[in-house]
């Protein structure tokens, strides 16, 4: 052996340490700790040799180091599957988008574990799916198939009934229960999914039920049109009622104004009659004085600083200016108790 192929004496301690560390790390693969929430399967060269899924199996276990024996771990807790919503067709040829969820888990281990390891639920799950992601994909496909079949046998009015909320809730509850039963076991299947795959379907529910985007816009437009018709009907009824109220108010106002005008005319007529009576009485008491006052009032109305007046000599206005006040006018007695009236 050449010097280049041999290990230098100075590197031998390091090589020994690394070898010991490698062997120690390799031996740690023989240590297995089983969690409370999981099931562990042990394979030796591809053959199943041990299953740890019982409560007594929790904790520290031993196996042959890797790669002699391999450990496969599976989460035994409840899993929630929430696939994307899918467009489905109802029996009356209506498109809807249905979004559902399902909860599942690896079935509980059998209390008295059989000697045949293949009858364990975790083993059936491992041989059917291998891992959780593939199980989720298979379950999502199963959900879509069952939903498409069930919705295709149901009319839209049976699951979307806005006039009867209780009937709609009862229809959805019945649909959820029927889909859950078919998820566990379909009529054409001999065994349930628990017996075949070791999967326990716990619950199923419809999260959202809606129309496709194109249908949704059409439905919203129709709803808006219906609401506009209802609003127009309410507005028309309100305007008709308002017109009735305005007509009654105008009628009442016309009646009140007519009565007020009649009362005003009557009061005005009575006042004018009283004034005329007073004027007549004053005229009768002193006709000459009344005539002089009327003449002076006429001067006040027709004369101004820039007026030019042409009068006839026979005019009363001219005579008053030339002759002055009448001298034969009876002077009122200052001691008389009778009042002078204008």
C-alpha atoms as a PDB file:
ATOM      1  CA  UNK A   1       0.000   0.000   0.000  1.00  0.00           C
ATOM      2  CA  UNK A   2       1.352   3.396  -0.937  1.00  0.00           C
ATOM      3  CA  UNK A   3       1.930   6.236   1.494  1.00  0.00           C
ATOM      4  CA  UNK A   4      -0.863   8.323  -0.124  1.00  0.00           C
ATOM      5  CA  UNK A   5      -3.465   5.570   0.549  1.00  0.00           C
ATOM      6  CA  UNK A   6      -2.495   5.056   4.156  1.00  0.00           C
ATOM      7  CA  UNK A   7      -3.795   7.192   7.063  1.00  0.00           C
ATOM      8  CA  UNK A   8      -1.326   9.479   8.615  1.00  0.00           C
ATOM      9  CA  UNK A   9      -0.576   8.674  12.261  1.00  0.00           C
ATOM     10  CA  UNK A  10      -1.599  12.197  13.177  1.00  0.00           C
ATOM     11  CA  UNK A  11      -5.080  11.698  11.613  1.00  0.00           C
ATOM     12  CA  UNK A  12      -5.779   8.301  13.133  1.00  0.00           C
ATOM     13  CA  UNK A  13      -7.256   9.679  16.407  1.00  0.00           C
ATOM     14  CA  UNK A  14      -9.623  11.914  14.421  1.00  0.00           C
ATOM     15  CA  UNK A  15     -10.728   9.026  12.213  1.00  0.00           C
ATOM     16  CA  UNK A  16     -11.411   6.891  15.278  1.00  0.00           C
ATOM     17  CA  UNK A  17     -13.493   9.653  16.880  1.00  0.00           C
ATOM     18  CA  UNK A  18     -15.494  10.191  13.705  1.00  0.00           C
ATOM     19  CA  UNK A  19     -16.084   6.457  13.372  1.00  0.00           C
ATOM     20  CA  UNK A  20     -17.304   6.201  16.965  1.00  0.00           C
ATOM     21  CA  UNK A  21     -19.614   9.212  16.451  1.00  0.00           C
ATOM     22  CA  UNK A  22     -20.993   7.729  13.247  1.00  0.00           C
ATOM     23  CA  UNK A  23     -21.691   4.419  14.973  1.00  0.00           C
ATOM     24  CA  UNK A  24     -23.378   6.305  17.850  1.00  0.00           C
ATOM     25  CA  UNK A  25     -25.593   8.260  15.494  1.00  0.00           C
ATOM     26  CA  UNK A  26     -26.462   5.062  13.618  1.00  0.00           C
ATOM     27  CA  UNK A  27     -27.379   3.320  16.872  1.00  0.00           C
ATOM     28  CA  UNK A  28     -29.735   6.176  17.824  1.00  0.00           C
ATOM     29  CA  UNK A  29     -31.973   5.149  14.905  1.00  0.00           C
ATOM     30  CA  UNK A  30     -32.804   2.092  16.977  1.00  0.00           C
ATOM     31  CA  UNK A  31     -34.513   4.290  19.562  1.00  0.00           C
ATOM     32  CA  UNK A  32     -38.216   4.959  18.836  1.00  0.00           C
ATOM     33  CA  UNK A  33     -40.490   7.287  20.845  1.00  0.00           C
ATOM     34  CA  UNK A  34     -44.211   6.882  20.162  1.00  0.00           C
ATOM     35  CA  UNK A  35     -46.311  10.005  20.757  1.00  0.00           C
ATOM     36  CA  UNK A  36     -49.810   9.987  22.262  1.00  0.00           C
ATOM     37  CA  UNK A  37     -51.350  11.315  19.034  1.00  0.00           C
ATOM     38  CA  UNK A  38     -49.773   8.980  16.505  1.00  0.00           C
ATOM     39  CA  UNK A  39     -49.550   5.430  15.280  1.00  0.00           C
ATOM     40  CA  UNK A  40     -46.169   3.973  14.238  1.00  0.00           C
ATOM     41  CA  UNK A  41     -45.606   1.087  11.819  1.00  0.00           C
ATOM     42  CA  UNK A  42     -42.268  -0.782  11.662  1.00  0.00           C
ATOM     43  CA  UNK A  43     -41.082  -2.414   8.447  1.00  0.00           C
ATOM     44  CA  UNK A  44     -38.084  -4.715   8.148  1.00  0.00           C
ATOM     45  CA  UNK A  45     -36.835  -4.925   4.582  1.00  0.00           C
ATOM     46  CA  UNK A  46     -40.354  -4.084   3.331  1.00  0.00           C
ATOM     47  CA  UNK A  47     -42.168  -6.546   5.602  1.00  0.00           C
ATOM     48  CA  UNK A  48     -44.411  -5.293   8.408  1.00  0.00           C
ATOM     49  CA  UNK A  49     -43.124  -6.536  11.754  1.00  0.00           C
ATOM     50  CA  UNK A  50     -44.674  -4.248  14.424  1.00  0.00           C
ATOM     51  CA  UNK A  51     -47.499  -1.753  14.935  1.00  0.00           C
ATOM     52  CA  UNK A  52     -47.587   0.687  17.850  1.00  0.00           C
ATOM     53  CA  UNK A  53     -51.116   2.091  18.084  1.00  0.00           C
ATOM     54  CA  UNK A  54     -52.354   0.945  21.483  1.00  0.00           C
ATOM     55  CA  UNK A  55     -52.365   3.159  24.601  1.00  0.00           C
ATOM     56  CA  UNK A  56     -49.844   0.775  26.173  1.00  0.00           C
ATOM     57  CA  UNK A  57     -47.467   1.311  23.247  1.00  0.00           C
ATOM     58  CA  UNK A  58     -46.924   5.010  23.996  1.00  0.00           C
ATOM     59  CA  UNK A  59     -43.455   6.024  25.051  1.00  0.00           C
ATOM     60  CA  UNK A  60     -40.028   4.546  24.376  1.00  0.00           C
ATOM     61  CA  UNK A  61     -39.703   1.551  22.022  1.00  0.00           C
ATOM     62  CA  UNK A  62     -36.814  -0.212  20.337  1.00  0.00           C
ATOM     63  CA  UNK A  63     -36.198  -1.402  16.792  1.00  0.00           C
ATOM     64  CA  UNK A  64     -33.356  -2.411  14.575  1.00  0.00           C
ATOM     65  CA  UNK A  65     -31.338   0.584  13.336  1.00  0.00           C
ATOM     66  CA  UNK A  66     -31.828   2.112   9.934  1.00  0.00           C
ATOM     67  CA  UNK A  67     -31.904   0.784   7.207  1.00  0.00           C
ATOM     68  CA  UNK A  68     -32.749  -2.602   8.664  1.00  0.00           C
ATOM     69  CA  UNK A  69     -36.063  -1.383  10.069  1.00  0.00           C
ATOM     70  CA  UNK A  70     -37.982   1.748   9.035  1.00  0.00           C
ATOM     71  CA  UNK A  71     -40.624   3.602  11.090  1.00  0.00           C
ATOM     72  CA  UNK A  72     -43.727   5.145   9.467  1.00  0.00           C
ATOM     73  CA  UNK A  73     -45.572   7.682  11.600  1.00  0.00           C
ATOM     74  CA  UNK A  74     -49.221   8.674  11.127  1.00  0.00           C
ATOM     75  CA  UNK A  75     -51.131  11.438  12.901  1.00  0.00           C
ATOM     76  CA  UNK A  76     -54.117   9.944  14.724  1.00  0.00           C
ATOM     77  CA  UNK A  77     -55.834  13.262  15.484  1.00  0.00           C
ATOM     78  CA  UNK A  78     -58.964  14.583  13.754  1.00  0.00           C
ATOM     79  CA  UNK A  79     -58.224  16.003  10.319  1.00  0.00           C
ATOM     80  CA  UNK A  80     -60.302  18.702   8.601  1.00  0.00           C
ATOM     81  CA  UNK A  81     -60.658  18.531   4.837  1.00  0.00           C
ATOM     82  CA  UNK A  82     -61.895  21.726   3.188  1.00  0.00           C
ATOM     83  CA  UNK A  83     -61.720  21.277  -0.605  1.00  0.00           C
ATOM     84  CA  UNK A  84     -62.325  24.169  -2.974  1.00  0.00           C
ATOM     85  CA  UNK A  85     -65.899  24.881  -3.999  1.00  0.00           C
ATOM     86  CA  UNK A  86     -67.106  23.221  -7.167  1.00  0.00           C
ATOM     87  CA  UNK A  87     -69.836  24.082  -9.664  1.00  0.00           C
ATOM     88  CA  UNK A  88     -72.613  21.454  -9.718  1.00  0.00           C
ATOM     89  CA  UNK A  89     -75.820  20.965 -11.688  1.00  0.00           C
ATOM     90  CA  UNK A  90     -79.176  20.391  -9.963  1.00  0.00           C
ATOM     91  CA  UNK A  91     -81.984  18.189 -11.255  1.00  0.00           C
ATOM     92  CA  UNK A  92     -83.792  21.225 -12.684  1.00  0.00           C
ATOM     93  CA  UNK A  93     -80.629  22.205 -14.637  1.00  0.00           C
ATOM     94  CA  UNK A  94     -79.520  25.031 -12.345  1.00  0.00           C
ATOM     95  CA  UNK A  95     -75.818  25.695 -11.763  1.00  0.00           C
ATOM     96  CA  UNK A  96     -74.708  26.215  -8.164  1.00  0.00           C
ATOM     97  CA  UNK A  97     -71.331  26.440  -6.450  1.00  0.00           C
ATOM     98  CA  UNK A  98     -71.163  24.242  -3.355  1.00  0.00           C
ATOM     99  CA  UNK A  99     -68.380  24.510  -0.777  1.00  0.00           C
ATOM    100  CA  UNK A 100     -68.306  21.698   1.806  1.00  0.00           C
ATOM    101  CA  UNK A 101     -66.052  20.289   4.533  1.00  0.00           C
ATOM    102  CA  UNK A 102     -65.500  16.905   6.130  1.00  0.00           C
ATOM    103  CA  UNK A 103     -63.717  15.808   9.308  1.00  0.00           C
ATOM    104  CA  UNK A 104     -61.976  12.426   9.423  1.00  0.00           C
ATOM    105  CA  UNK A 105     -59.195  10.504  11.149  1.00  0.00           C
ATOM    106  CA  UNK A 106     -57.506   7.155  11.205  1.00  0.00           C
ATOM    107  CA  UNK A 107     -59.922   4.806  12.931  1.00  0.00           C
ATOM    108  CA  UNK A 108     -59.370   4.040  16.596  1.00  0.00           C
ATOM    109  CA  UNK A 109     -57.217   0.959  17.229  1.00  0.00           C
ATOM    110  CA  UNK A 110     -58.943  -2.279  18.091  1.00  0.00           C
ATOM    111  CA  UNK A 111     -59.001  -2.868  21.859  1.00  0.00           C
ATOM    112  CA  UNK A 112     -57.946  -6.527  21.586  1.00  0.00           C
ATOM    113  CA  UNK A 113     -55.312  -6.177  18.895  1.00  0.00           C
ATOM    114  CA  UNK A 114     -55.396  -9.219  16.561  1.00  0.00           C
ATOM    115  CA  UNK A 115     -52.265 -11.155  15.790  1.00  0.00           C
ATOM    116  CA  UNK A 116     -52.704 -10.403  12.100  1.00  0.00           C
ATOM    117  CA  UNK A 117     -51.249  -6.906  11.766  1.00  0.00           C
ATOM    118  CA  UNK A 118     -53.028  -6.294   8.464  1.00  0.00           C
ATOM    119  CA  UNK A 119     -56.351  -5.951  10.313  1.00  0.00           C
ATOM    120  CA  UNK A 120     -55.157  -2.870  12.196  1.00  0.00           C
ATOM    121  CA  UNK A 121     -56.812   0.403  10.953  1.00  0.00           C
ATOM    122  CA  UNK A 122     -53.459   2.182  10.740  1.00  0.00           C
ATOM    123  CA  UNK A 123     -52.056  -0.655   8.603  1.00  0.00           C
ATOM    124  CA  UNK A 124     -55.053  -0.533   6.241  1.00  0.00           C
ATOM    125  CA  UNK A 125     -54.595   3.247   5.997  1.00  0.00           C
ATOM    126  CA  UNK A 126     -50.897   2.879   5.206  1.00  0.00           C
ATOM    127  CA  UNK A 127     -51.454   0.251   2.522  1.00  0.00           C
ATOM    128  CA  UNK A 128     -54.340   2.189   0.953  1.00  0.00           C
ATOM    129  CA  UNK A 129     -52.846   5.681   0.939  1.00  0.00           C
ATOM    130  CA  UNK A 130     -49.273   5.621   2.188  1.00  0.00           C
ATOM    131  CA  UNK A 131     -49.489   9.182   3.564  1.00  0.00           C
ATOM    132  CA  UNK A 132     -52.000  11.834   4.626  1.00  0.00           C
ATOM    133  CA  UNK A 133     -51.711  13.943   1.476  1.00  0.00           C
ATOM    134  CA  UNK A 134     -52.775  11.102  -0.774  1.00  0.00           C
ATOM    135  CA  UNK A 135     -55.614  10.215   1.616  1.00  0.00           C
ATOM    136  CA  UNK A 136     -56.804  13.835   1.500  1.00  0.00           C
ATOM    137  CA  UNK A 137     -56.773  13.794  -2.312  1.00  0.00           C
ATOM    138  CA  UNK A 138     -58.746  10.533  -2.439  1.00  0.00           C
ATOM    139  CA  UNK A 139     -61.311  11.792   0.056  1.00  0.00           C
ATOM    140  CA  UNK A 140     -61.744  15.058  -1.874  1.00  0.00           C
ATOM    141  CA  UNK A 141     -62.429  13.066  -5.052  1.00  0.00           C
ATOM    142  CA  UNK A 142     -64.947  10.908  -3.198  1.00  0.00           C
ATOM    143  CA  UNK A 143     -66.712  14.002  -1.809  1.00  0.00           C
ATOM    144  CA  UNK A 144     -66.980  15.607  -5.264  1.00  0.00           C
ATOM    145  CA  UNK A 145     -68.417  12.432  -6.787  1.00  0.00           C
ATOM    146  CA  UNK A 146     -71.028  11.935  -4.072  1.00  0.00           C
ATOM    147  CA  UNK A 147     -72.032  15.622  -4.041  1.00  0.00           C
ATOM    148  CA  UNK A 148     -72.416  15.703  -7.814  1.00  0.00           C
ATOM    149  CA  UNK A 149     -74.690  12.644  -7.622  1.00  0.00           C
ATOM    150  CA  UNK A 150     -76.788  13.950  -4.715  1.00  0.00           C
ATOM    151  CA  UNK A 151     -77.165  17.493  -6.066  1.00  0.00           C
ATOM    152  CA  UNK A 152     -78.068  16.075  -9.477  1.00  0.00           C
ATOM    153  CA  UNK A 153     -81.041  14.354  -7.787  1.00  0.00           C
ATOM    154  CA  UNK A 154     -82.174  17.519  -5.958  1.00  0.00           C
ATOM    155  CA  UNK A 155     -84.010  20.546  -7.282  1.00  0.00           C
ATOM    156  CA  UNK A 156     -82.715  24.003  -6.463  1.00  0.00           C
ATOM    157  CA  UNK A 157     -85.960  25.012  -4.747  1.00  0.00           C
ATOM    158  CA  UNK A 158     -85.513  22.153  -2.235  1.00  0.00           C
ATOM    159  CA  UNK A 159     -82.246  23.536  -0.845  1.00  0.00           C
ATOM    160  CA  UNK A 160     -82.758  27.256  -1.540  1.00  0.00           C
ATOM    161  CA  UNK A 161     -86.177  28.227  -0.249  1.00  0.00           C
ATOM    162  CA  UNK A 162     -86.212  31.836   0.927  1.00  0.00           C
ATOM    163  CA  UNK A 163     -89.938  31.732   1.760  1.00  0.00           C
ATOM    164  CA  UNK A 164     -89.645  28.896   4.299  1.00  0.00           C
ATOM    165  CA  UNK A 165     -86.450  29.024   6.362  1.00  0.00           C
ATOM    166  CA  UNK A 166     -87.301  25.948   8.432  1.00  0.00           C
ATOM    167  CA  UNK A 167     -87.963  23.836   5.340  1.00  0.00           C
ATOM    168  CA  UNK A 168     -84.627  24.962   3.867  1.00  0.00           C
ATOM    169  CA  UNK A 169     -82.724  24.070   7.056  1.00  0.00           C
ATOM    170  CA  UNK A 170     -84.437  20.665   7.176  1.00  0.00           C
ATOM    171  CA  UNK A 171     -83.535  19.997   3.517  1.00  0.00           C
ATOM    172  CA  UNK A 172     -79.884  20.958   4.092  1.00  0.00           C
ATOM    173  CA  UNK A 173     -79.712  18.787   7.224  1.00  0.00           C
ATOM    174  CA  UNK A 174     -81.121  15.830   5.314  1.00  0.00           C
ATOM    175  CA  UNK A 175     -78.656  16.447   2.466  1.00  0.00           C
ATOM    176  CA  UNK A 176     -75.715  16.581   4.904  1.00  0.00           C
ATOM    177  CA  UNK A 177     -76.803  13.332   6.563  1.00  0.00           C
ATOM    178  CA  UNK A 178     -77.259  11.476   3.278  1.00  0.00           C
ATOM    179  CA  UNK A 179     -73.851  12.621   1.990  1.00  0.00           C
ATOM    180  CA  UNK A 180     -72.223  11.620   5.301  1.00  0.00           C
ATOM    181  CA  UNK A 181     -73.710   8.124   5.058  1.00  0.00           C
ATOM    182  CA  UNK A 182     -72.486   7.734   1.488  1.00  0.00           C
ATOM    183  CA  UNK A 183     -69.021   8.972   2.444  1.00  0.00           C
ATOM    184  CA  UNK A 184     -68.860   6.182   4.975  1.00  0.00           C
ATOM    185  CA  UNK A 185     -70.357   3.561   2.676  1.00  0.00           C
ATOM    186  CA  UNK A 186     -72.023   3.835  -0.712  1.00  0.00           C
ATOM    187  CA  UNK A 187     -74.883   1.491  -1.702  1.00  0.00           C
ATOM    188  CA  UNK A 188     -72.796  -0.379  -4.287  1.00  0.00           C
ATOM    189  CA  UNK A 189     -69.890  -0.957  -1.863  1.00  0.00           C
ATOM    190  CA  UNK A 190     -69.594  -4.124   0.186  1.00  0.00           C
ATOM    191  CA  UNK A 191     -67.443  -2.618   2.958  1.00  0.00           C
ATOM    192  CA  UNK A 192     -67.274   0.813   4.551  1.00  0.00           C
ATOM    193  CA  UNK A 193     -64.270   3.108   4.180  1.00  0.00           C
ATOM    194  CA  UNK A 194     -63.269   2.182   7.733  1.00  0.00           C
ATOM    195  CA  UNK A 195     -63.132  -1.522   6.875  1.00  0.00           C
ATOM    196  CA  UNK A 196     -61.373  -0.892   3.557  1.00  0.00           C
ATOM    197  CA  UNK A 197     -59.024   1.992   4.289  1.00  0.00           C
ATOM    198  CA  UNK A 198     -58.976   2.351   8.082  1.00  0.00           C
ATOM    199  CA  UNK A 199     -60.481   5.862   7.781  1.00  0.00           C
ATOM    200  CA  UNK A 200     -63.302   7.027  10.038  1.00  0.00           C
ATOM    201  CA  UNK A 201     -65.538   9.786   8.597  1.00  0.00           C
ATOM    202  CA  UNK A 202     -66.710  11.834  11.566  1.00  0.00           C
ATOM    203  CA  UNK A 203     -68.827  14.635  10.148  1.00  0.00           C
ATOM    204  CA  UNK A 204     -69.793  16.474   6.981  1.00  0.00           C
ATOM    205  CA  UNK A 205     -71.292  19.900   6.367  1.00  0.00           C
ATOM    206  CA  UNK A 206     -72.058  22.391   3.608  1.00  0.00           C
ATOM    207  CA  UNK A 207     -70.169  25.600   4.305  1.00  0.00           C
ATOM    208  CA  UNK A 208     -71.403  27.759   1.438  1.00  0.00           C
ATOM    209  CA  UNK A 209     -74.014  27.411  -1.284  1.00  0.00           C
ATOM    210  CA  UNK A 210     -73.999  30.034  -3.996  1.00  0.00           C
ATOM    211  CA  UNK A 211     -74.605  30.686  -7.651  1.00  0.00           C
ATOM    212  CA  UNK A 212     -71.790  30.870 -10.234  1.00  0.00           C
ATOM    213  CA  UNK A 213     -70.419  34.324 -10.954  1.00  0.00           C
ATOM    214  CA  UNK A 214     -72.362  34.735 -14.201  1.00  0.00           C
ATOM    215  CA  UNK A 215     -75.623  33.482 -12.706  1.00  0.00           C
ATOM    216  CA  UNK A 216     -74.991  35.539  -9.582  1.00  0.00           C
ATOM    217  CA  UNK A 217     -74.881  38.758 -11.574  1.00  0.00           C
ATOM    218  CA  UNK A 218     -78.119  37.820 -13.344  1.00  0.00           C
ATOM    219  CA  UNK A 219     -79.786  36.938 -10.036  1.00  0.00           C
ATOM    220  CA  UNK A 220     -78.614  40.188  -8.456  1.00  0.00           C
ATOM    221  CA  UNK A 221     -79.896  42.133 -11.469  1.00  0.00           C
ATOM    222  CA  UNK A 222     -83.265  40.392 -11.212  1.00  0.00           C
ATOM    223  CA  UNK A 223     -83.397  41.026  -7.461  1.00  0.00           C
ATOM    224  CA  UNK A 224     -82.529  44.679  -8.051  1.00  0.00           C
ATOM    225  CA  UNK A 225     -85.243  44.953 -10.705  1.00  0.00           C
ATOM    226  CA  UNK A 226     -87.801  43.392  -8.365  1.00  0.00           C
ATOM    227  CA  UNK A 227     -86.782  45.729  -5.552  1.00  0.00           C
ATOM    228  CA  UNK A 228     -87.056  48.688  -7.913  1.00  0.00           C
ATOM    229  CA  UNK A 229     -90.558  47.581  -8.889  1.00  0.00           C
ATOM    230  CA  UNK A 230     -91.526  47.292  -5.239  1.00  0.00           C
ATOM    231  CA  UNK A 231     -89.996  50.706  -4.521  1.00  0.00           C
ATOM    232  CA  UNK A 232     -91.847  52.228  -7.490  1.00  0.00           C
ATOM    233  CA  UNK A 233     -95.079  50.707  -6.239  1.00  0.00           C
ATOM    234  CA  UNK A 234     -94.488  52.157  -2.787  1.00  0.00           C
ATOM    235  CA  UNK A 235     -93.585  55.537  -4.287  1.00  0.00           C
ATOM    236  CA  UNK A 236     -96.726  55.529  -6.462  1.00  0.00           C
ATOM    237  CA  UNK A 237     -98.888  54.660  -3.471  1.00  0.00           C
ATOM    238  CA  UNK A 238     -97.182  57.380  -1.444  1.00  0.00           C
ATOM    239  CA  UNK A 239     -97.626  59.962  -4.177  1.00  0.00           C
ATOM    240  CA  UNK A 240    -101.305  59.037  -4.551  1.00  0.00           C
ATOM    241  CA  UNK A 241    -101.811  59.341  -0.807  1.00  0.00           C
ATOM    242  CA  UNK A 242     -99.917  62.647  -0.800  1.00  0.00           C
ATOM    243  CA  UNK A 243    -102.123  63.903  -3.635  1.00  0.00           C
ATOM    244  CA  UNK A 244    -105.211  62.950  -1.658  1.00  0.00           C
ATOM    245  CA  UNK A 245    -103.890  64.778   1.396  1.00  0.00           C
ATOM    246  CA  UNK A 246    -102.998  67.833  -0.705  1.00  0.00           C
ATOM    247  CA  UNK A 247    -106.455  67.809  -2.319  1.00  0.00           C
ATOM    248  CA  UNK A 248    -108.171  67.636   1.063  1.00  0.00           C
ATOM    249  CA  UNK A 249    -105.908  70.408   2.375  1.00  0.00           C
ATOM    250  CA  UNK A 250    -106.573  72.594  -0.696  1.00  0.00           C
ATOM    251  CA  UNK A 251    -110.319  72.000  -0.316  1.00  0.00           C
ATOM    252  CA  UNK A 252    -110.203  72.915   3.362  1.00  0.00           C
ATOM    253  CA  UNK A 253    -108.040  75.971   2.598  1.00  0.00           C
ATOM    254  CA  UNK A 254    -110.447  77.102  -0.143  1.00  0.00           C
ATOM    255  CA  UNK A 255    -113.396  76.688   2.234  1.00  0.00           C
ATOM    256  CA  UNK A 256    -111.624  78.626   4.989  1.00  0.00           C
ATOM    257  CA  UNK A 257    -110.542  81.388   2.565  1.00  0.00           C
ATOM    258  CA  UNK A 258    -114.055  81.596   1.081  1.00  0.00           C
ATOM    259  CA  UNK A 259    -115.593  81.911   4.525  1.00  0.00           C
ATOM    260  CA  UNK A 260    -112.972  84.508   5.521  1.00  0.00           C
ATOM    261  CA  UNK A 261    -113.554  86.532   2.347  1.00  0.00           C
ATOM    262  CA  UNK A 262    -117.321  86.375   2.874  1.00  0.00           C
ATOM    263  CA  UNK A 263    -116.873  87.531   6.462  1.00  0.00           C
ATOM    264  CA  UNK A 264    -114.502  90.285   5.274  1.00  0.00           C
ATOM    265  CA  UNK A 265    -116.990  91.433   2.614  1.00  0.00           C
ATOM    266  CA  UNK A 266    -119.785  91.420   5.142  1.00  0.00           C
ATOM    267  CA  UNK A 267    -117.723  93.387   7.684  1.00  0.00           C
ATOM    268  CA  UNK A 268    -116.491  95.742   4.947  1.00  0.00           C
ATOM    269  CA  UNK A 269    -120.045  96.305   3.729  1.00  0.00           C
ATOM    270  CA  UNK A 270    -121.249  96.950   7.259  1.00  0.00           C
ATOM    271  CA  UNK A 271    -118.388  99.424   7.794  1.00  0.00           C
ATOM    272  CA  UNK A 272    -119.048 101.217   4.536  1.00  0.00           C
ATOM    273  CA  UNK A 273    -122.762 101.416   5.362  1.00  0.00           C
ATOM    274  CA  UNK A 274    -121.952 102.830   8.795  1.00  0.00           C
ATOM    275  CA  UNK A 275    -119.533 105.355   7.256  1.00  0.00           C
ATOM    276  CA  UNK A 276    -122.098 106.348   4.658  1.00  0.00           C
ATOM    277  CA  UNK A 277    -124.708 106.785   7.375  1.00  0.00           C
ATOM    278  CA  UNK A 278    -122.343 109.036   9.306  1.00  0.00           C
ATOM    279  CA  UNK A 279    -121.602 111.092   6.194  1.00  0.00           C
ATOM    280  CA  UNK A 280    -125.299 111.432   5.439  1.00  0.00           C
ATOM    281  CA  UNK A 281    -125.994 112.470   8.991  1.00  0.00           C
ATOM    282  CA  UNK A 282    -123.218 115.092   8.868  1.00  0.00           C
ATOM    283  CA  UNK A 283    -124.482 116.307   5.519  1.00  0.00           C
ATOM    284  CA  UNK A 284    -127.981 116.666   6.830  1.00  0.00           C
ATOM    285  CA  UNK A 285    -126.814 118.650   9.873  1.00  0.00           C
ATOM    286  CA  UNK A 286    -124.965 121.295   7.774  1.00  0.00           C
ATOM    287  CA  UNK A 287    -125.216 120.921   4.043  1.00  0.00           C
ATOM    288  CA  UNK A 288    -123.448 124.196   3.281  1.00  0.00           C
ATOM    289  CA  UNK A 289    -120.457 123.316   5.480  1.00  0.00           C
ATOM    290  CA  UNK A 290    -120.233 119.876   3.890  1.00  0.00           C
ATOM    291  CA  UNK A 291    -120.229 121.430   0.427  1.00  0.00           C
ATOM    292  CA  UNK A 292    -117.417 123.825   1.426  1.00  0.00           C
ATOM    293  CA  UNK A 293    -115.339 120.906   2.768  1.00  0.00           C
ATOM    294  CA  UNK A 294    -115.853 118.974  -0.431  1.00  0.00           C
ATOM    295  CA  UNK A 295    -114.731 121.960  -2.453  1.00  0.00           C
ATOM    296  CA  UNK A 296    -111.589 122.373  -0.323  1.00  0.00           C
ATOM    297  CA  UNK A 297    -110.810 118.652  -0.739  1.00  0.00           C
ATOM    298  CA  UNK A 298    -111.114 119.099  -4.473  1.00  0.00           C
ATOM    299  CA  UNK A 299    -108.601 121.986  -4.327  1.00  0.00           C
ATOM    300  CA  UNK A 300    -106.177 119.769  -2.411  1.00  0.00           C
ATOM    301  CA  UNK A 301    -106.366 117.037  -4.996  1.00  0.00           C
ATOM    302  CA  UNK A 302    -106.153 119.086  -8.199  1.00  0.00           C
ATOM    303  CA  UNK A 303    -103.844 121.952  -7.191  1.00  0.00           C
ATOM    304  CA  UNK A 304    -100.047 121.879  -6.870  1.00  0.00           C
ATOM    305  CA  UNK A 305     -97.307 124.589  -6.918  1.00  0.00           C
ATOM    306  CA  UNK A 306     -96.959 124.242 -10.708  1.00  0.00           C
ATOM    307  CA  UNK A 307    -100.639 123.772 -11.589  1.00  0.00           C
ATOM    308  CA  UNK A 308    -102.509 126.021 -14.033  1.00  0.00           C
ATOM    309  CA  UNK A 309    -106.278 125.878 -13.561  1.00  0.00           C
ATOM    310  CA  UNK A 310    -108.899 127.165 -16.021  1.00  0.00           C
ATOM    311  CA  UNK A 311    -112.355 127.477 -14.448  1.00  0.00           C
ATOM    312  CA  UNK A 312    -115.743 128.561 -15.634  1.00  0.00           C
ATOM    313  CA  UNK A 313    -117.346 131.508 -13.871  1.00  0.00           C
ATOM    314  CA  UNK A 314    -120.320 129.350 -13.054  1.00  0.00           C
ATOM    315  CA  UNK A 315    -118.131 126.677 -11.413  1.00  0.00           C
ATOM    316  CA  UNK A 316    -118.461 126.130  -7.674  1.00  0.00           C
ATOM    317  CA  UNK A 317    -114.672 126.103  -7.441  1.00  0.00           C
ATOM    318  CA  UNK A 318    -114.433 129.530  -9.085  1.00  0.00           C
ATOM    319  CA  UNK A 319    -117.244 130.970  -6.974  1.00  0.00           C
ATOM    320  CA  UNK A 320    -115.552 129.913  -3.740  1.00  0.00           C
ATOM    321  CA  UNK A 321    -112.331 131.591  -4.825  1.00  0.00           C
ATOM    322  CA  UNK A 322    -114.070 134.843  -5.800  1.00  0.00           C
ATOM    323  CA  UNK A 323    -116.929 135.077  -3.302  1.00  0.00           C
ATOM    324  CA  UNK A 324    -115.269 133.346  -0.320  1.00  0.00           C
ATOM    325  CA  UNK A 325    -117.182 131.445   2.314  1.00  0.00           C
ATOM    326  CA  UNK A 326    -120.954 131.897   2.417  1.00  0.00           C
ATOM    327  CA  UNK A 327    -121.997 134.534   4.985  1.00  0.00           C
ATOM    328  CA  UNK A 328    -125.399 133.017   5.657  1.00  0.00           C
ATOM    329  CA  UNK A 329    -123.880 129.781   6.956  1.00  0.00           C
ATOM    330  CA  UNK A 330    -125.332 128.927  10.342  1.00  0.00           C
ATOM    331  CA  UNK A 331    -122.558 128.982  12.969  1.00  0.00           C
ATOM    332  CA  UNK A 332    -122.615 126.142  15.427  1.00  0.00           C
ATOM    333  CA  UNK A 333    -123.600 127.057  18.951  1.00  0.00           C
ATOM    334  CA  UNK A 334    -120.624 126.689  21.236  1.00  0.00           C
ATOM    335  CA  UNK A 335    -122.935 126.010  24.205  1.00  0.00           C
ATOM    336  CA  UNK A 336    -124.810 123.313  22.278  1.00  0.00           C
ATOM    337  CA  UNK A 337    -124.528 119.803  23.708  1.00  0.00           C
ATOM    338  CA  UNK A 338    -124.954 118.192  20.273  1.00  0.00           C
ATOM    339  CA  UNK A 339    -121.624 116.990  18.810  1.00  0.00           C
ATOM    340  CA  UNK A 340    -120.451 118.224  15.480  1.00  0.00           C
ATOM    341  CA  UNK A 341    -120.089 115.435  12.944  1.00  0.00           C
ATOM    342  CA  UNK A 342    -117.866 115.749   9.931  1.00  0.00           C
END
